[in-house]
Each structure stands twice: as structure tokens, then as C-alpha cells.
Amino acid sequence: MNFNTEQFAAAQQANLNVAAGLSQSAFAGFERLVELNMAAGKAAVGESFANMQALMAAKSPQDLMAVQAALVQPAFEKSVSYSRHLTDIANSTGAEFTKAVESKMAESEQAVKSLVENSLKNAPAGSDAAVAVFKTAYEASQSAAETLKKVAKQAADSAEASMKAATAQAEASVKAAMGKAKAKA
């Protein structure tokens, strides 16, 4: 297989298009992050003043403790919501990058496979044994690479599931502790 100038230019253009798409995805994710932080910041400022007014309106230490306890639950829920939005932004942006990388890897693998197959077809006469050994080694490497991809995907899925489970457990623990604190108040 001869790689001519047109093929090289087309490959470079395709790579440039992928890079441009990934840049757009990165900026879109960053834009969502900025919007999330702006909304959270605005809400925090407004809530801070309202919370201060509620605290200053307390007439006794018991009222002050009750107001403080009442402020903890909404703050926790907003923190959890913020974390979920942040995770969603990171996951969706990461998924777009992963999809693009997997697509380019598949293209590259196919190009290498075609190159190897064409090279083996044009092997000199009498090199059948060497071609067979090379073919076996190539197929073994492809099989190993495929296995590694599957293992990496399983590990990533497992890590994501573990993270979600840990987050849910942490939320449940904090809610239980807050429920106990309210019951004592």
C-alpha cells in the first residue's frame, strides 16, 4: 500500500476536524461549568444574606440553634446537587472525548490492518513460513489489544459505579446524622 500525498492530506484534514470538534466539546463543557459556578455563586450570595437575617432574628440561644440546624439540610442538599451537576458535566465531556478517541483508534487499527494485509499479499515467493509467523504474531497482538480494551472499559465502569455508590453512601450517612441531630434539638 503506497501512501500518497492526497491520502496524507486527507488524513491530516480528518485529524484537524477531530481536533476542532474536541476543542468545541471542551469549550462547551467549560462553558457549562462557568454557568454552573455563576448560578451557584449568585445563589450563595443571596442565601447568605437571608441566612444572616434569620440568624440575627433569633431571640434566644435555642432559637439560634434551631435556625442553624434548619440551615444545614438545605446547604447539604445544594452541595450534593452541585456535585451531581459537576459530575454530569465531567462525564458528558469525557464521554465525547472517549468516543472521538475510540473512533480514531478504530480508524488507525483498520489502516494498520490493511497495510499489513497488503504487505503480506506482496511478500516475496518462498517467504510463506515467515508470513505465517508474522500473521500469527499480528493476530495475537490484535487479540491482546482487544482484551486490554475490554479490561480497561470494565475497570472504568467499575470505578464509576464505585464512585456513585460511595457518593450515595455518604449522602445517606450525612442525612442520617442530620436526622439524629434534628431529633435531639
N, C-alpha and C. Protein backbone atom coordinates (compact mmCIF):
# COMPACT_ATOMS: atom_id res chain seq x y z
N MET A 1 0.84 -1.18 0.00
CA MET A 1 0.00 0.00 0.00
C MET A 1 0.88 1.23 0.00
N ASN A 2 0.75 2.04 -0.98
CA ASN A 2 1.51 3.28 -1.06
C ASN A 2 0.66 4.40 -0.49
N PHE A 3 1.28 5.20 0.36
CA PHE A 3 0.58 6.30 1.00
C PHE A 3 0.94 7.55 0.23
N ASN A 4 0.03 8.04 -0.60
CA ASN A 4 0.37 9.18 -1.46
C ASN A 4 0.02 10.51 -0.78
N THR A 5 0.35 11.58 -1.45
CA THR A 5 0.17 12.93 -0.90
C THR A 5 -1.29 13.24 -0.61
N GLU A 6 -2.19 12.81 -1.49
CA GLU A 6 -3.62 13.08 -1.28
C GLU A 6 -4.13 12.36 -0.03
N GLN A 7 -3.69 11.12 0.15
CA GLN A 7 -4.11 10.38 1.34
C GLN A 7 -3.57 11.04 2.60
N PHE A 8 -2.33 11.49 2.55
CA PHE A 8 -1.73 12.16 3.69
C PHE A 8 -2.50 13.44 4.01
N ALA A 9 -2.80 14.24 3.00
CA ALA A 9 -3.55 15.48 3.20
C ALA A 9 -4.94 15.20 3.75
N ALA A 10 -5.60 14.15 3.23
CA ALA A 10 -6.93 13.80 3.72
C ALA A 10 -6.87 13.35 5.18
N ALA A 11 -5.85 12.58 5.53
CA ALA A 11 -5.69 12.13 6.92
C ALA A 11 -5.45 13.32 7.84
N GLN A 12 -4.62 14.26 7.40
CA GLN A 12 -4.34 15.45 8.21
C GLN A 12 -5.60 16.31 8.36
N GLN A 13 -6.38 16.43 7.31
CA GLN A 13 -7.63 17.20 7.37
C GLN A 13 -8.61 16.53 8.34
N ALA A 14 -8.71 15.22 8.27
CA ALA A 14 -9.59 14.48 9.18
C ALA A 14 -9.14 14.68 10.63
N ASN A 15 -7.84 14.62 10.87
CA ASN A 15 -7.32 14.84 12.22
C ASN A 15 -7.59 16.26 12.70
N LEU A 16 -7.47 17.22 11.80
CA LEU A 16 -7.76 18.61 12.14
C LEU A 16 -9.24 18.78 12.49
N ASN A 17 -10.10 18.13 11.74
CA ASN A 17 -11.54 18.20 12.02
C ASN A 17 -11.86 17.59 13.39
N VAL A 18 -11.22 16.48 13.70
CA VAL A 18 -11.44 15.85 15.01
C VAL A 18 -10.95 16.78 16.12
N ALA A 19 -9.78 17.38 15.94
CA ALA A 19 -9.24 18.29 16.94
C ALA A 19 -10.17 19.49 17.13
N ALA A 20 -10.71 20.02 16.04
CA ALA A 20 -11.64 21.15 16.13
C ALA A 20 -12.90 20.74 16.89
N GLY A 21 -13.40 19.55 16.60
CA GLY A 21 -14.58 19.06 17.31
C GLY A 21 -14.33 18.87 18.80
N LEU A 22 -13.17 18.33 19.12
CA LEU A 22 -12.81 18.14 20.53
C LEU A 22 -12.64 19.48 21.24
N SER A 23 -12.09 20.46 20.54
CA SER A 23 -11.95 21.80 21.13
C SER A 23 -13.32 22.38 21.43
N GLN A 24 -14.24 22.21 20.49
CA GLN A 24 -15.61 22.71 20.71
C GLN A 24 -16.25 22.01 21.92
N SER A 25 -16.04 20.71 22.02
CA SER A 25 -16.58 19.96 23.15
C SER A 25 -15.98 20.44 24.47
N ALA A 26 -14.67 20.67 24.47
CA ALA A 26 -14.00 21.14 25.68
C ALA A 26 -14.54 22.51 26.09
N PHE A 27 -14.69 23.40 25.12
CA PHE A 27 -15.21 24.73 25.44
C PHE A 27 -16.67 24.67 25.89
N ALA A 28 -17.45 23.78 25.30
CA ALA A 28 -18.85 23.64 25.72
C ALA A 28 -18.91 23.15 27.17
N GLY A 29 -18.06 22.19 27.50
CA GLY A 29 -18.01 21.70 28.88
C GLY A 29 -17.57 22.80 29.84
N PHE A 30 -16.56 23.57 29.43
CA PHE A 30 -16.08 24.68 30.25
C PHE A 30 -17.18 25.73 30.43
N GLU A 31 -17.90 25.99 29.36
CA GLU A 31 -19.00 26.97 29.42
C GLU A 31 -20.08 26.50 30.40
N ARG A 32 -20.42 25.22 30.35
CA ARG A 32 -21.40 24.67 31.30
C ARG A 32 -20.89 24.80 32.74
N LEU A 33 -19.61 24.58 32.93
CA LEU A 33 -19.01 24.69 34.26
C LEU A 33 -19.08 26.14 34.76
N VAL A 34 -18.76 27.09 33.89
CA VAL A 34 -18.83 28.51 34.27
C VAL A 34 -20.27 28.88 34.62
N GLU A 35 -21.23 28.43 33.80
CA GLU A 35 -22.64 28.73 34.08
C GLU A 35 -23.06 28.15 35.43
N LEU A 36 -22.64 26.92 35.69
CA LEU A 36 -22.97 26.28 36.97
C LEU A 36 -22.38 27.08 38.13
N ASN A 37 -21.12 27.47 38.01
CA ASN A 37 -20.47 28.23 39.08
C ASN A 37 -21.08 29.62 39.27
N MET A 38 -21.46 30.25 38.17
CA MET A 38 -22.12 31.56 38.28
C MET A 38 -23.46 31.43 39.00
N ALA A 39 -24.24 30.44 38.62
CA ALA A 39 -25.54 30.23 39.27
C ALA A 39 -25.36 29.90 40.75
N ALA A 40 -24.38 29.05 41.05
CA ALA A 40 -24.13 28.68 42.44
C ALA A 40 -23.65 29.90 43.24
N GLY A 41 -22.80 30.70 42.63
CA GLY A 41 -22.30 31.90 43.30
C GLY A 41 -23.41 32.89 43.60
N LYS A 42 -24.27 33.14 42.61
CA LYS A 42 -25.40 34.06 42.81
C LYS A 42 -26.30 33.56 43.93
N ALA A 43 -26.61 32.29 43.88
CA ALA A 43 -27.49 31.71 44.89
C ALA A 43 -26.85 31.80 46.27
N ALA A 44 -25.56 31.53 46.36
CA ALA A 44 -24.87 31.56 47.65
C ALA A 44 -24.88 32.96 48.26
N VAL A 45 -24.67 33.98 47.43
CA VAL A 45 -24.68 35.36 47.94
C VAL A 45 -26.07 35.71 48.47
N GLY A 46 -27.09 35.43 47.68
CA GLY A 46 -28.45 35.73 48.11
C GLY A 46 -28.83 34.97 49.38
N GLU A 47 -28.47 33.71 49.43
CA GLU A 47 -28.80 32.90 50.60
C GLU A 47 -28.02 33.33 51.83
N SER A 48 -26.81 33.81 51.65
CA SER A 48 -26.00 34.26 52.79
C SER A 48 -26.69 35.40 53.52
N PHE A 49 -27.20 36.36 52.75
CA PHE A 49 -27.89 37.48 53.39
C PHE A 49 -29.17 37.03 54.08
N ALA A 50 -29.92 36.16 53.41
CA ALA A 50 -31.15 35.65 54.03
C ALA A 50 -30.83 34.85 55.29
N ASN A 51 -29.78 34.06 55.24
CA ASN A 51 -29.39 33.27 56.41
C ASN A 51 -28.95 34.17 57.56
N MET A 52 -28.20 35.22 57.24
CA MET A 52 -27.76 36.15 58.28
C MET A 52 -28.95 36.84 58.93
N GLN A 53 -29.95 37.22 58.13
CA GLN A 53 -31.14 37.85 58.69
C GLN A 53 -31.88 36.88 59.61
N ALA A 54 -31.97 35.62 59.18
CA ALA A 54 -32.65 34.63 60.01
C ALA A 54 -31.89 34.41 61.32
N LEU A 55 -30.57 34.36 61.24
CA LEU A 55 -29.78 34.17 62.46
C LEU A 55 -29.89 35.38 63.39
N MET A 56 -29.91 36.57 62.81
CA MET A 56 -30.00 37.78 63.63
C MET A 56 -31.39 37.96 64.23
N ALA A 57 -32.38 37.32 63.64
CA ALA A 57 -33.74 37.43 64.16
C ALA A 57 -33.98 36.50 65.35
N ALA A 58 -33.05 35.61 65.62
CA ALA A 58 -33.21 34.68 66.74
C ALA A 58 -33.24 35.45 68.05
N LYS A 59 -34.17 35.09 68.92
CA LYS A 59 -34.36 35.80 70.18
C LYS A 59 -33.65 35.12 71.36
N SER A 60 -33.38 33.83 71.20
CA SER A 60 -32.75 33.09 72.30
C SER A 60 -31.72 32.13 71.73
N PRO A 61 -30.86 31.61 72.60
CA PRO A 61 -29.89 30.61 72.11
C PRO A 61 -30.56 29.39 71.48
N GLN A 62 -31.71 28.99 72.00
CA GLN A 62 -32.43 27.85 71.42
C GLN A 62 -32.92 28.19 70.02
N ASP A 63 -33.42 29.42 69.83
CA ASP A 63 -33.86 29.86 68.50
C ASP A 63 -32.67 29.88 67.53
N LEU A 64 -31.53 30.35 68.02
CA LEU A 64 -30.33 30.41 67.20
C LEU A 64 -29.91 29.01 66.76
N MET A 65 -29.93 28.07 67.71
CA MET A 65 -29.56 26.68 67.38
C MET A 65 -30.56 26.09 66.38
N ALA A 66 -31.83 26.38 66.54
CA ALA A 66 -32.85 25.86 65.64
C ALA A 66 -32.66 26.42 64.23
N VAL A 67 -32.36 27.71 64.14
CA VAL A 67 -32.13 28.33 62.83
C VAL A 67 -30.90 27.72 62.18
N GLN A 68 -29.83 27.56 62.95
CA GLN A 68 -28.61 26.96 62.41
C GLN A 68 -28.88 25.54 61.91
N ALA A 69 -29.60 24.77 62.70
CA ALA A 69 -29.91 23.39 62.31
C ALA A 69 -30.75 23.37 61.04
N ALA A 70 -31.67 24.32 60.92
CA ALA A 70 -32.52 24.38 59.73
C ALA A 70 -31.73 24.77 58.48
N LEU A 71 -30.63 25.46 58.65
CA LEU A 71 -29.83 25.90 57.51
C LEU A 71 -28.90 24.80 56.99
N VAL A 72 -28.61 23.82 57.82
CA VAL A 72 -27.66 22.78 57.44
C VAL A 72 -28.21 21.89 56.33
N GLN A 73 -29.43 21.42 56.45
CA GLN A 73 -30.02 20.50 55.47
C GLN A 73 -30.06 21.11 54.06
N PRO A 74 -30.60 22.32 53.89
CA PRO A 74 -30.60 22.88 52.53
C PRO A 74 -29.19 23.09 51.97
N ALA A 75 -28.26 23.48 52.83
CA ALA A 75 -26.87 23.67 52.36
C ALA A 75 -26.29 22.34 51.88
N PHE A 76 -26.56 21.28 52.61
CA PHE A 76 -26.08 19.96 52.21
C PHE A 76 -26.71 19.54 50.88
N GLU A 77 -28.02 19.72 50.75
CA GLU A 77 -28.71 19.34 49.51
C GLU A 77 -28.18 20.13 48.32
N LYS A 78 -27.90 21.40 48.51
CA LYS A 78 -27.34 22.21 47.42
C LYS A 78 -25.94 21.75 47.07
N SER A 79 -25.18 21.38 48.07
CA SER A 79 -23.83 20.88 47.81
C SER A 79 -23.88 19.58 47.02
N VAL A 80 -24.79 18.69 47.37
CA VAL A 80 -24.95 17.42 46.65
C VAL A 80 -25.40 17.69 45.21
N SER A 81 -26.34 18.61 45.05
CA SER A 81 -26.83 18.95 43.71
C SER A 81 -25.70 19.54 42.86
N TYR A 82 -24.91 20.41 43.44
CA TYR A 82 -23.77 21.00 42.73
C TYR A 82 -22.81 19.89 42.29
N SER A 83 -22.51 18.98 43.21
CA SER A 83 -21.60 17.88 42.89
C SER A 83 -22.13 17.01 41.76
N ARG A 84 -23.42 16.76 41.77
CA ARG A 84 -24.03 15.96 40.70
C ARG A 84 -23.92 16.67 39.36
N HIS A 85 -24.20 17.97 39.34
CA HIS A 85 -24.08 18.73 38.10
C HIS A 85 -22.64 18.73 37.60
N LEU A 86 -21.71 18.91 38.52
CA LEU A 86 -20.29 18.91 38.17
C LEU A 86 -19.89 17.56 37.59
N THR A 87 -20.35 16.49 38.22
CA THR A 87 -20.05 15.14 37.72
C THR A 87 -20.67 14.92 36.35
N ASP A 88 -21.88 15.40 36.15
CA ASP A 88 -22.55 15.26 34.86
C ASP A 88 -21.78 15.98 33.76
N ILE A 89 -21.31 17.18 34.05
CA ILE A 89 -20.54 17.93 33.07
C ILE A 89 -19.25 17.18 32.73
N ALA A 90 -18.56 16.72 33.75
CA ALA A 90 -17.29 16.00 33.53
C ALA A 90 -17.54 14.70 32.76
N ASN A 91 -18.58 13.96 33.13
CA ASN A 91 -18.86 12.69 32.46
C ASN A 91 -19.26 12.88 31.00
N SER A 92 -20.12 13.85 30.73
CA SER A 92 -20.57 14.04 29.35
C SER A 92 -19.43 14.54 28.47
N THR A 93 -18.61 15.44 29.00
CA THR A 93 -17.48 15.93 28.22
C THR A 93 -16.46 14.81 28.01
N GLY A 94 -16.21 14.05 29.06
CA GLY A 94 -15.29 12.92 28.94
C GLY A 94 -15.79 11.87 27.97
N ALA A 95 -17.11 11.64 27.96
CA ALA A 95 -17.69 10.66 27.03
C ALA A 95 -17.48 11.09 25.58
N GLU A 96 -17.61 12.38 25.31
CA GLU A 96 -17.38 12.87 23.95
C GLU A 96 -15.92 12.66 23.53
N PHE A 97 -15.00 12.94 24.45
CA PHE A 97 -13.58 12.71 24.15
C PHE A 97 -13.31 11.24 23.93
N THR A 98 -13.86 10.39 24.78
CA THR A 98 -13.65 8.95 24.66
C THR A 98 -14.18 8.43 23.33
N LYS A 99 -15.36 8.90 22.95
CA LYS A 99 -15.96 8.47 21.68
C LYS A 99 -15.07 8.87 20.50
N ALA A 100 -14.55 10.08 20.53
CA ALA A 100 -13.69 10.54 19.44
C ALA A 100 -12.38 9.75 19.39
N VAL A 101 -11.80 9.50 20.54
CA VAL A 101 -10.54 8.75 20.59
C VAL A 101 -10.76 7.32 20.11
N GLU A 102 -11.85 6.70 20.57
CA GLU A 102 -12.14 5.32 20.13
C GLU A 102 -12.35 5.25 18.62
N SER A 103 -13.02 6.25 18.08
CA SER A 103 -13.25 6.28 16.64
C SER A 103 -11.93 6.40 15.88
N LYS A 104 -11.05 7.30 16.32
CA LYS A 104 -9.76 7.46 15.64
C LYS A 104 -8.90 6.21 15.82
N MET A 105 -8.98 5.57 16.97
CA MET A 105 -8.20 4.35 17.18
C MET A 105 -8.69 3.24 16.25
N ALA A 106 -10.00 3.15 16.08
CA ALA A 106 -10.56 2.14 15.18
C ALA A 106 -10.10 2.39 13.74
N GLU A 107 -10.10 3.65 13.35
CA GLU A 107 -9.61 4.01 12.01
C GLU A 107 -8.15 3.62 11.84
N SER A 108 -7.35 3.95 12.85
CA SER A 108 -5.92 3.64 12.79
C SER A 108 -5.68 2.14 12.75
N GLU A 109 -6.42 1.40 13.56
CA GLU A 109 -6.28 -0.05 13.57
C GLU A 109 -6.62 -0.64 12.20
N GLN A 110 -7.67 -0.11 11.59
CA GLN A 110 -8.07 -0.60 10.27
C GLN A 110 -7.00 -0.27 9.23
N ALA A 111 -6.43 0.92 9.32
CA ALA A 111 -5.38 1.31 8.38
C ALA A 111 -4.15 0.41 8.54
N VAL A 112 -3.78 0.12 9.77
CA VAL A 112 -2.62 -0.76 10.01
C VAL A 112 -2.94 -2.16 9.51
N LYS A 113 -4.14 -2.62 9.78
CA LYS A 113 -4.54 -3.96 9.33
C LYS A 113 -4.46 -4.05 7.80
N SER A 114 -4.97 -3.04 7.12
CA SER A 114 -4.91 -3.02 5.65
C SER A 114 -3.47 -3.01 5.15
N LEU A 115 -2.65 -2.20 5.79
CA LEU A 115 -1.24 -2.12 5.42
C LEU A 115 -0.56 -3.48 5.59
N VAL A 116 -0.80 -4.13 6.73
CA VAL A 116 -0.20 -5.44 6.99
C VAL A 116 -0.69 -6.47 5.98
N GLU A 117 -2.00 -6.49 5.75
CA GLU A 117 -2.55 -7.46 4.80
C GLU A 117 -1.98 -7.26 3.40
N ASN A 118 -1.92 -6.01 2.94
CA ASN A 118 -1.37 -5.74 1.62
C ASN A 118 0.11 -6.09 1.53
N SER A 119 0.83 -5.80 2.61
CA SER A 119 2.25 -6.14 2.62
C SER A 119 2.44 -7.65 2.57
N LEU A 120 1.62 -8.39 3.28
CA LEU A 120 1.75 -9.84 3.29
C LEU A 120 1.36 -10.45 1.94
N LYS A 121 0.39 -9.83 1.28
CA LYS A 121 -0.01 -10.32 -0.04
C LYS A 121 1.14 -10.17 -1.05
N ASN A 122 1.92 -9.13 -0.88
CA ASN A 122 3.01 -8.84 -1.80
C ASN A 122 4.35 -9.38 -1.33
N ALA A 123 4.32 -10.30 -0.37
CA ALA A 123 5.56 -10.87 0.15
C ALA A 123 6.24 -11.68 -0.96
N PRO A 124 7.55 -11.69 -0.93
CA PRO A 124 8.28 -12.43 -1.97
C PRO A 124 7.99 -13.94 -1.90
N ALA A 125 8.14 -14.58 -3.02
CA ALA A 125 7.92 -16.03 -3.09
C ALA A 125 8.90 -16.74 -2.17
N GLY A 126 8.42 -17.80 -1.54
CA GLY A 126 9.27 -18.58 -0.65
C GLY A 126 9.28 -18.08 0.79
N SER A 127 8.54 -17.03 1.08
CA SER A 127 8.52 -16.50 2.44
C SER A 127 7.24 -16.89 3.17
N ASP A 128 6.62 -17.98 2.74
CA ASP A 128 5.34 -18.40 3.34
C ASP A 128 5.46 -18.66 4.83
N ALA A 129 6.54 -19.30 5.26
CA ALA A 129 6.71 -19.61 6.69
C ALA A 129 6.84 -18.32 7.51
N ALA A 130 7.64 -17.38 7.01
CA ALA A 130 7.81 -16.11 7.71
C ALA A 130 6.50 -15.32 7.74
N VAL A 131 5.77 -15.34 6.66
CA VAL A 131 4.48 -14.65 6.59
C VAL A 131 3.52 -15.27 7.59
N ALA A 132 3.49 -16.59 7.69
CA ALA A 132 2.60 -17.27 8.64
C ALA A 132 2.95 -16.90 10.07
N VAL A 133 4.24 -16.87 10.39
CA VAL A 133 4.67 -16.49 11.75
C VAL A 133 4.26 -15.04 12.04
N PHE A 134 4.52 -14.17 11.09
CA PHE A 134 4.18 -12.76 11.28
C PHE A 134 2.67 -12.59 11.45
N LYS A 135 1.90 -13.29 10.63
CA LYS A 135 0.44 -13.21 10.68
C LYS A 135 -0.07 -13.68 12.04
N THR A 136 0.49 -14.79 12.52
CA THR A 136 0.09 -15.31 13.84
C THR A 136 0.43 -14.30 14.94
N ALA A 137 1.62 -13.73 14.89
CA ALA A 137 2.03 -12.75 15.89
C ALA A 137 1.14 -11.50 15.83
N TYR A 138 0.82 -11.06 14.63
CA TYR A 138 -0.03 -9.88 14.47
C TYR A 138 -1.43 -10.15 15.04
N GLU A 139 -2.00 -11.30 14.70
CA GLU A 139 -3.34 -11.65 15.20
C GLU A 139 -3.33 -11.78 16.72
N ALA A 140 -2.26 -12.33 17.28
CA ALA A 140 -2.15 -12.43 18.74
C ALA A 140 -2.08 -11.04 19.38
N SER A 141 -1.34 -10.13 18.74
CA SER A 141 -1.24 -8.77 19.29
C SER A 141 -2.59 -8.05 19.21
N GLN A 142 -3.31 -8.28 18.14
CA GLN A 142 -4.64 -7.68 17.99
C GLN A 142 -5.59 -8.22 19.07
N SER A 143 -5.52 -9.52 19.30
CA SER A 143 -6.36 -10.15 20.32
C SER A 143 -6.01 -9.61 21.71
N ALA A 144 -4.73 -9.48 21.99
CA ALA A 144 -4.30 -8.95 23.28
C ALA A 144 -4.76 -7.50 23.45
N ALA A 145 -4.65 -6.71 22.39
CA ALA A 145 -5.08 -5.31 22.45
C ALA A 145 -6.58 -5.22 22.71
N GLU A 146 -7.34 -6.09 22.07
CA GLU A 146 -8.79 -6.10 22.27
C GLU A 146 -9.13 -6.48 23.71
N THR A 147 -8.43 -7.45 24.24
CA THR A 147 -8.64 -7.86 25.63
C THR A 147 -8.32 -6.72 26.59
N LEU A 148 -7.21 -6.02 26.33
CA LEU A 148 -6.84 -4.89 27.18
C LEU A 148 -7.89 -3.78 27.12
N LYS A 149 -8.44 -3.54 25.95
CA LYS A 149 -9.50 -2.52 25.82
C LYS A 149 -10.70 -2.90 26.67
N LYS A 150 -11.09 -4.19 26.60
CA LYS A 150 -12.24 -4.65 27.38
C LYS A 150 -11.99 -4.52 28.88
N VAL A 151 -10.79 -4.89 29.30
CA VAL A 151 -10.44 -4.80 30.72
C VAL A 151 -10.45 -3.34 31.17
N ALA A 152 -9.89 -2.45 30.36
CA ALA A 152 -9.88 -1.03 30.71
C ALA A 152 -11.29 -0.47 30.80
N LYS A 153 -12.15 -0.87 29.88
CA LYS A 153 -13.55 -0.42 29.92
C LYS A 153 -14.25 -0.92 31.17
N GLN A 154 -14.03 -2.20 31.50
CA GLN A 154 -14.64 -2.77 32.71
C GLN A 154 -14.13 -2.04 33.96
N ALA A 155 -12.84 -1.73 33.99
CA ALA A 155 -12.27 -1.03 35.14
C ALA A 155 -12.87 0.37 35.27
N ALA A 156 -13.02 1.06 34.14
CA ALA A 156 -13.61 2.40 34.17
C ALA A 156 -15.07 2.34 34.62
N ASP A 157 -15.81 1.36 34.11
CA ASP A 157 -17.21 1.21 34.52
C ASP A 157 -17.31 0.88 36.00
N SER A 158 -16.42 0.01 36.48
CA SER A 158 -16.41 -0.37 37.89
C SER A 158 -16.06 0.82 38.77
N ALA A 159 -15.09 1.62 38.35
CA ALA A 159 -14.71 2.80 39.12
C ALA A 159 -15.86 3.80 39.19
N GLU A 160 -16.55 3.98 38.08
CA GLU A 160 -17.68 4.91 38.07
C GLU A 160 -18.80 4.41 38.98
N ALA A 161 -19.08 3.11 38.93
CA ALA A 161 -20.11 2.53 39.79
C ALA A 161 -19.72 2.66 41.27
N SER A 162 -18.46 2.43 41.57
CA SER A 162 -17.99 2.55 42.95
C SER A 162 -18.11 3.99 43.44
N MET A 163 -17.79 4.94 42.56
CA MET A 163 -17.88 6.35 42.93
C MET A 163 -19.33 6.74 43.21
N LYS A 164 -20.24 6.26 42.38
CA LYS A 164 -21.66 6.55 42.59
C LYS A 164 -22.13 5.93 43.90
N ALA A 165 -21.71 4.70 44.17
CA ALA A 165 -22.11 4.03 45.40
C ALA A 165 -21.55 4.76 46.62
N ALA A 166 -20.30 5.20 46.54
CA ALA A 166 -19.69 5.92 47.66
C ALA A 166 -20.40 7.24 47.90
N THR A 167 -20.76 7.93 46.83
CA THR A 167 -21.48 9.19 46.96
C THR A 167 -22.84 8.97 47.60
N ALA A 168 -23.54 7.94 47.15
CA ALA A 168 -24.86 7.64 47.72
C ALA A 168 -24.73 7.27 49.20
N GLN A 169 -23.70 6.51 49.55
CA GLN A 169 -23.48 6.12 50.95
C GLN A 169 -23.16 7.34 51.80
N ALA A 170 -22.34 8.24 51.28
CA ALA A 170 -22.01 9.46 52.01
C ALA A 170 -23.24 10.32 52.23
N GLU A 171 -24.06 10.45 51.20
CA GLU A 171 -25.31 11.22 51.33
C GLU A 171 -26.20 10.60 52.39
N ALA A 172 -26.35 9.30 52.35
CA ALA A 172 -27.21 8.61 53.31
C ALA A 172 -26.68 8.79 54.73
N SER A 173 -25.38 8.71 54.91
CA SER A 173 -24.78 8.87 56.24
C SER A 173 -25.00 10.28 56.78
N VAL A 174 -24.79 11.27 55.92
CA VAL A 174 -24.98 12.66 56.36
C VAL A 174 -26.45 12.92 56.68
N LYS A 175 -27.35 12.41 55.84
CA LYS A 175 -28.78 12.60 56.10
C LYS A 175 -29.18 11.93 57.40
N ALA A 176 -28.65 10.75 57.67
CA ALA A 176 -28.97 10.05 58.92
C ALA A 176 -28.44 10.84 60.11
N ALA A 177 -27.23 11.36 60.01
CA ALA A 177 -26.65 12.14 61.09
C ALA A 177 -27.45 13.42 61.32
N MET A 178 -27.89 14.03 60.22
CA MET A 178 -28.69 15.25 60.35
C MET A 178 -30.05 14.95 60.97
N GLY A 179 -30.62 13.81 60.62
CA GLY A 179 -31.89 13.41 61.21
C GLY A 179 -31.76 13.20 62.70
N LYS A 180 -30.66 12.58 63.13
CA LYS A 180 -30.41 12.37 64.56
C LYS A 180 -30.22 13.70 65.28
N ALA A 181 -29.49 14.62 64.62
CA ALA A 181 -29.26 15.94 65.23
C ALA A 181 -30.56 16.71 65.37
N LYS A 182 -31.45 16.60 64.40
CA LYS A 182 -32.75 17.28 64.48
C LYS A 182 -33.60 16.68 65.59
N ALA A 183 -33.52 15.37 65.73
CA ALA A 183 -34.31 14.70 66.76
C ALA A 183 -33.87 15.12 68.15
N LYS A 184 -32.58 15.41 68.34
CA LYS A 184 -32.07 15.82 69.63
C LYS A 184 -32.43 17.27 69.93
N ALA A 185 -32.63 18.07 68.86
CA ALA A 185 -32.87 19.51 69.06
C ALA A 185 -34.26 19.80 69.50
